[in-house]
């Protein structure tokens, strides 16, 4: 007996969703680690605000990592758990020695740009598979990420009018 026997989803179409979720899992794992590094190493103006914000962001990323892995399992897949494999496939690249708040925010915004586009593509695959739960999960992620993009852009604006 397997989970897919009860979900009324096409296993062939779901296989593409699982592959996309495993890609997203790898990207989130690298993003999470990047945020930890930024949290630990941030210096200068904005330290107190950014140090706390990065902690909130990596806690949120950790929750999403767990949700993505559990969705993969629900769909009958196996989530990758080796960091060496994440680094092989992740399109989000490791960042080291990010100490400047401006550079950190630029990196996070670039990561969000990629993640949002990836999640939108994955929503199309999930919708084609009739996988409303994955669509809902990713739509929620995009909603939160778009708001964070707005906030980070507002925070990083150098001049006010």
C-alpha atoms as a PDB file:
ATOM      1  CA  UNK A   1       0.000   0.000   0.000  1.00  0.00           C
ATOM      2  CA  UNK A   2       1.228   3.517  -0.814  1.00  0.00           C
ATOM      3  CA  UNK A   3      -0.031   7.040  -0.311  1.00  0.00           C
ATOM      4  CA  UNK A   4      -0.652   7.635  -4.013  1.00  0.00           C
ATOM      5  CA  UNK A   5      -3.252   4.839  -3.993  1.00  0.00           C
ATOM      6  CA  UNK A   6      -5.521   7.209  -2.081  1.00  0.00           C
ATOM      7  CA  UNK A   7      -4.806  10.656  -3.586  1.00  0.00           C
ATOM      8  CA  UNK A   8      -6.522  10.333  -6.986  1.00  0.00           C
ATOM      9  CA  UNK A   9      -3.534  11.858  -8.779  1.00  0.00           C
ATOM     10  CA  UNK A  10      -1.745  10.724 -11.935  1.00  0.00           C
ATOM     11  CA  UNK A  11       1.611   9.278 -10.830  1.00  0.00           C
ATOM     12  CA  UNK A  12       3.335  10.199 -14.102  1.00  0.00           C
ATOM     13  CA  UNK A  13       2.342  13.858 -13.795  1.00  0.00           C
ATOM     14  CA  UNK A  14       3.126  13.863 -10.073  1.00  0.00           C
ATOM     15  CA  UNK A  15       6.648  12.607 -10.833  1.00  0.00           C
ATOM     16  CA  UNK A  16       7.377  16.007 -12.435  1.00  0.00           C
ATOM     17  CA  UNK A  17       6.029  17.762  -9.349  1.00  0.00           C
ATOM     18  CA  UNK A  18       8.237  15.627  -7.092  1.00  0.00           C
ATOM     19  CA  UNK A  19      11.293  16.452  -9.203  1.00  0.00           C
ATOM     20  CA  UNK A  20      10.460  20.155  -9.006  1.00  0.00           C
ATOM     21  CA  UNK A  21       9.919  19.965  -5.257  1.00  0.00           C
ATOM     22  CA  UNK A  22      13.282  18.243  -4.801  1.00  0.00           C
ATOM     23  CA  UNK A  23      14.905  21.079  -6.766  1.00  0.00           C
ATOM     24  CA  UNK A  24      13.111  23.610  -4.574  1.00  0.00           C
ATOM     25  CA  UNK A  25      14.213  21.692  -1.471  1.00  0.00           C
ATOM     26  CA  UNK A  26      17.862  21.926  -2.535  1.00  0.00           C
ATOM     27  CA  UNK A  27      17.504  25.636  -3.253  1.00  0.00           C
ATOM     28  CA  UNK A  28      15.839  26.297   0.102  1.00  0.00           C
ATOM     29  CA  UNK A  29      18.566  24.377   1.950  1.00  0.00           C
ATOM     30  CA  UNK A  30      21.309  26.524   0.419  1.00  0.00           C
ATOM     31  CA  UNK A  31      19.252  29.695   0.969  1.00  0.00           C
ATOM     32  CA  UNK A  32      18.758  28.700   4.625  1.00  0.00           C
ATOM     33  CA  UNK A  33      22.503  28.231   5.104  1.00  0.00           C
ATOM     34  CA  UNK A  34      23.232  31.551   3.404  1.00  0.00           C
ATOM     35  CA  UNK A  35      20.820  33.288   5.776  1.00  0.00           C
ATOM     36  CA  UNK A  36      22.533  31.693   8.773  1.00  0.00           C
ATOM     37  CA  UNK A  37      25.856  33.049   7.594  1.00  0.00           C
ATOM     38  CA  UNK A  38      24.410  36.512   7.048  1.00  0.00           C
ATOM     39  CA  UNK A  39      22.839  36.425  10.505  1.00  0.00           C
ATOM     40  CA  UNK A  40      26.145  35.481  12.131  1.00  0.00           C
ATOM     41  CA  UNK A  41      28.403  37.803  10.131  1.00  0.00           C
ATOM     42  CA  UNK A  42      26.425  40.994   9.508  1.00  0.00           C
ATOM     43  CA  UNK A  43      28.174  44.173  10.680  1.00  0.00           C
ATOM     44  CA  UNK A  44      27.724  47.915  10.563  1.00  0.00           C
ATOM     45  CA  UNK A  45      24.706  50.143  10.180  1.00  0.00           C
ATOM     46  CA  UNK A  46      21.488  48.193  10.532  1.00  0.00           C
ATOM     47  CA  UNK A  47      23.124  45.358  12.470  1.00  0.00           C
ATOM     48  CA  UNK A  48      20.423  45.064  15.129  1.00  0.00           C
ATOM     49  CA  UNK A  49      17.550  45.136  12.642  1.00  0.00           C
ATOM     50  CA  UNK A  50      19.168  42.788  10.103  1.00  0.00           C
ATOM     51  CA  UNK A  51      20.555  40.324  12.655  1.00  0.00           C
ATOM     52  CA  UNK A  52      17.050  39.803  14.049  1.00  0.00           C
ATOM     53  CA  UNK A  53      15.384  39.799  10.591  1.00  0.00           C
ATOM     54  CA  UNK A  54      17.791  37.178   9.220  1.00  0.00           C
ATOM     55  CA  UNK A  55      17.035  34.930  12.199  1.00  0.00           C
ATOM     56  CA  UNK A  56      13.312  35.242  11.489  1.00  0.00           C
ATOM     57  CA  UNK A  57      13.954  34.513   7.803  1.00  0.00           C
ATOM     58  CA  UNK A  58      16.042  31.397   8.403  1.00  0.00           C
ATOM     59  CA  UNK A  59      13.496  30.072  10.893  1.00  0.00           C
ATOM     60  CA  UNK A  60      10.834  30.558   8.212  1.00  0.00           C
ATOM     61  CA  UNK A  61      13.031  28.838   5.615  1.00  0.00           C
ATOM     62  CA  UNK A  62      13.528  25.875   7.977  1.00  0.00           C
ATOM     63  CA  UNK A  63       9.760  25.499   8.295  1.00  0.00           C
ATOM     64  CA  UNK A  64       9.375  25.583   4.512  1.00  0.00           C
ATOM     65  CA  UNK A  65      12.144  22.993   4.087  1.00  0.00           C
ATOM     66  CA  UNK A  66      10.215  20.619   6.327  1.00  0.00           C
ATOM     67  CA  UNK A  67       6.942  21.308   4.502  1.00  0.00           C
ATOM     68  CA  UNK A  68       8.520  20.687   1.102  1.00  0.00           C
ATOM     69  CA  UNK A  69      10.130  17.423   2.254  1.00  0.00           C
ATOM     70  CA  UNK A  70       6.844  16.235   3.760  1.00  0.00           C
ATOM     71  CA  UNK A  71       4.972  17.114   0.549  1.00  0.00           C
ATOM     72  CA  UNK A  72       7.489  15.061  -1.449  1.00  0.00           C
ATOM     73  CA  UNK A  73       6.862  12.131   0.901  1.00  0.00           C
ATOM     74  CA  UNK A  74       3.089  12.576   0.650  1.00  0.00           C
ATOM     75  CA  UNK A  75       3.350  12.373  -3.137  1.00  0.00           C
ATOM     76  CA  UNK A  76       5.312   9.126  -2.899  1.00  0.00           C
ATOM     77  CA  UNK A  77       8.754  10.588  -3.468  1.00  0.00           C
ATOM     78  CA  UNK A  78      11.885  10.603  -1.377  1.00  0.00           C
ATOM     79  CA  UNK A  79      13.309  13.971  -0.345  1.00  0.00           C
ATOM     80  CA  UNK A  80      17.048  14.321  -0.742  1.00  0.00           C
ATOM     81  CA  UNK A  81      18.808  14.825   2.582  1.00  0.00           C
ATOM     82  CA  UNK A  82      22.485  15.034   1.644  1.00  0.00           C
ATOM     83  CA  UNK A  83      23.930  18.520   1.503  1.00  0.00           C
ATOM     84  CA  UNK A  84      26.485  17.378  -1.061  1.00  0.00           C
ATOM     85  CA  UNK A  85      23.569  16.533  -3.394  1.00  0.00           C
ATOM     86  CA  UNK A  86      21.885  19.868  -2.673  1.00  0.00           C
ATOM     87  CA  UNK A  87      25.038  21.666  -3.762  1.00  0.00           C
ATOM     88  CA  UNK A  88      25.181  19.634  -6.967  1.00  0.00           C
ATOM     89  CA  UNK A  89      21.673  20.609  -8.080  1.00  0.00           C
ATOM     90  CA  UNK A  90      20.816  23.880  -6.320  1.00  0.00           C
ATOM     91  CA  UNK A  91      20.654  26.946  -8.489  1.00  0.00           C
ATOM     92  CA  UNK A  92      20.913  29.115  -5.371  1.00  0.00           C
ATOM     93  CA  UNK A  93      24.645  29.344  -4.773  1.00  0.00           C
ATOM     94  CA  UNK A  94      26.500  29.340  -1.476  1.00  0.00           C
ATOM     95  CA  UNK A  95      27.494  32.744  -0.195  1.00  0.00           C
ATOM     96  CA  UNK A  96      30.385  33.333   2.164  1.00  0.00           C
ATOM     97  CA  UNK A  97      31.646  36.332   4.086  1.00  0.00           C
ATOM     98  CA  UNK A  98      28.606  38.545   3.489  1.00  0.00           C
ATOM     99  CA  UNK A  99      29.013  41.167   6.197  1.00  0.00           C
ATOM    100  CA  UNK A 100      27.486  44.265   4.602  1.00  0.00           C
ATOM    101  CA  UNK A 101      23.726  44.754   4.980  1.00  0.00           C
ATOM    102  CA  UNK A 102      23.336  46.142   1.459  1.00  0.00           C
ATOM    103  CA  UNK A 103      25.103  43.138  -0.088  1.00  0.00           C
ATOM    104  CA  UNK A 104      23.052  40.739   2.026  1.00  0.00           C
ATOM    105  CA  UNK A 105      19.774  42.317   0.941  1.00  0.00           C
ATOM    106  CA  UNK A 106      20.835  42.300  -2.721  1.00  0.00           C
ATOM    107  CA  UNK A 107      21.639  38.597  -2.409  1.00  0.00           C
ATOM    108  CA  UNK A 108      18.320  37.816  -0.742  1.00  0.00           C
ATOM    109  CA  UNK A 109      16.376  39.787  -3.356  1.00  0.00           C
ATOM    110  CA  UNK A 110      18.148  37.930  -6.175  1.00  0.00           C
ATOM    111  CA  UNK A 111      17.371  34.639  -4.427  1.00  0.00           C
ATOM    112  CA  UNK A 112      13.702  35.594  -4.064  1.00  0.00           C
ATOM    113  CA  UNK A 113      13.543  36.535  -7.745  1.00  0.00           C
ATOM    114  CA  UNK A 114      14.765  33.063  -8.675  1.00  0.00           C
ATOM    115  CA  UNK A 115      12.641  31.243  -6.060  1.00  0.00           C
ATOM    116  CA  UNK A 116       9.425  33.033  -7.016  1.00  0.00           C
ATOM    117  CA  UNK A 117       9.967  32.223 -10.702  1.00  0.00           C
ATOM    118  CA  UNK A 118      10.744  28.591  -9.833  1.00  0.00           C
ATOM    119  CA  UNK A 119       7.670  28.311  -7.617  1.00  0.00           C
ATOM    120  CA  UNK A 120       5.457  29.812 -10.342  1.00  0.00           C
ATOM    121  CA  UNK A 121       6.732  27.188 -12.813  1.00  0.00           C
ATOM    122  CA  UNK A 122       6.154  24.448 -10.267  1.00  0.00           C
ATOM    123  CA  UNK A 123       2.597  25.694  -9.697  1.00  0.00           C
ATOM    124  CA  UNK A 124       1.916  25.137 -13.407  1.00  0.00           C
ATOM    125  CA  UNK A 125       3.207  21.550 -13.159  1.00  0.00           C
ATOM    126  CA  UNK A 126       1.214  20.884 -10.003  1.00  0.00           C
ATOM    127  CA  UNK A 127      -1.965  22.352 -11.500  1.00  0.00           C
ATOM    128  CA  UNK A 128      -1.519  20.160 -14.581  1.00  0.00           C
ATOM    129  CA  UNK A 129      -1.246  17.153 -12.254  1.00  0.00           C
ATOM    130  CA  UNK A 130      -4.390  18.212 -10.366  1.00  0.00           C
ATOM    131  CA  UNK A 131      -2.259  18.649  -7.249  1.00  0.00           C
ATOM    132  CA  UNK A 132      -4.159  21.475  -5.579  1.00  0.00           C
ATOM    133  CA  UNK A 133      -2.336  21.021  -2.274  1.00  0.00           C
ATOM    134  CA  UNK A 134       1.079  21.749  -3.797  1.00  0.00           C
ATOM    135  CA  UNK A 135      -0.416  24.690  -5.702  1.00  0.00           C
ATOM    136  CA  UNK A 136      -1.807  26.059  -2.433  1.00  0.00           C
ATOM    137  CA  UNK A 137       1.467  25.504  -0.586  1.00  0.00           C
ATOM    138  CA  UNK A 138       3.530  27.326  -3.218  1.00  0.00           C
ATOM    139  CA  UNK A 139       0.990  30.120  -3.652  1.00  0.00           C
ATOM    140  CA  UNK A 140       1.334  30.802   0.070  1.00  0.00           C
ATOM    141  CA  UNK A 141       5.116  30.899  -0.247  1.00  0.00           C
ATOM    142  CA  UNK A 142       4.923  33.389  -3.105  1.00  0.00           C
ATOM    143  CA  UNK A 143       2.516  35.603  -1.148  1.00  0.00           C
ATOM    144  CA  UNK A 144       4.961  35.773   1.766  1.00  0.00           C
ATOM    145  CA  UNK A 145       8.001  36.242  -0.476  1.00  0.00           C
ATOM    146  CA  UNK A 146       6.414  39.066  -2.472  1.00  0.00           C
ATOM    147  CA  UNK A 147       5.669  40.907   0.768  1.00  0.00           C
ATOM    148  CA  UNK A 148       9.237  40.358   1.955  1.00  0.00           C
ATOM    149  CA  UNK A 149      10.559  41.674  -1.375  1.00  0.00           C
ATOM    150  CA  UNK A 150       8.509  44.827  -0.893  1.00  0.00           C
ATOM    151  CA  UNK A 151       9.823  45.245   2.660  1.00  0.00           C
ATOM    152  CA  UNK A 152      13.461  44.633   1.717  1.00  0.00           C
ATOM    153  CA  UNK A 153      13.257  47.075  -1.180  1.00  0.00           C
ATOM    154  CA  UNK A 154      11.706  49.679   1.126  1.00  0.00           C
ATOM    155  CA  UNK A 155      14.378  49.043   3.778  1.00  0.00           C
ATOM    156  CA  UNK A 156      17.234  49.302   1.290  1.00  0.00           C
ATOM    157  CA  UNK A 157      16.025  52.532  -0.336  1.00  0.00           C
ATOM    158  CA  UNK A 158      18.855  54.964   0.178  1.00  0.00           C
ATOM    159  CA  UNK A 159      16.929  58.191  -0.252  1.00  0.00           C
ATOM    160  CA  UNK A 160      13.493  59.147   0.952  1.00  0.00           C
ATOM    161  CA  UNK A 161      11.301  61.731  -0.752  1.00  0.00           C
END
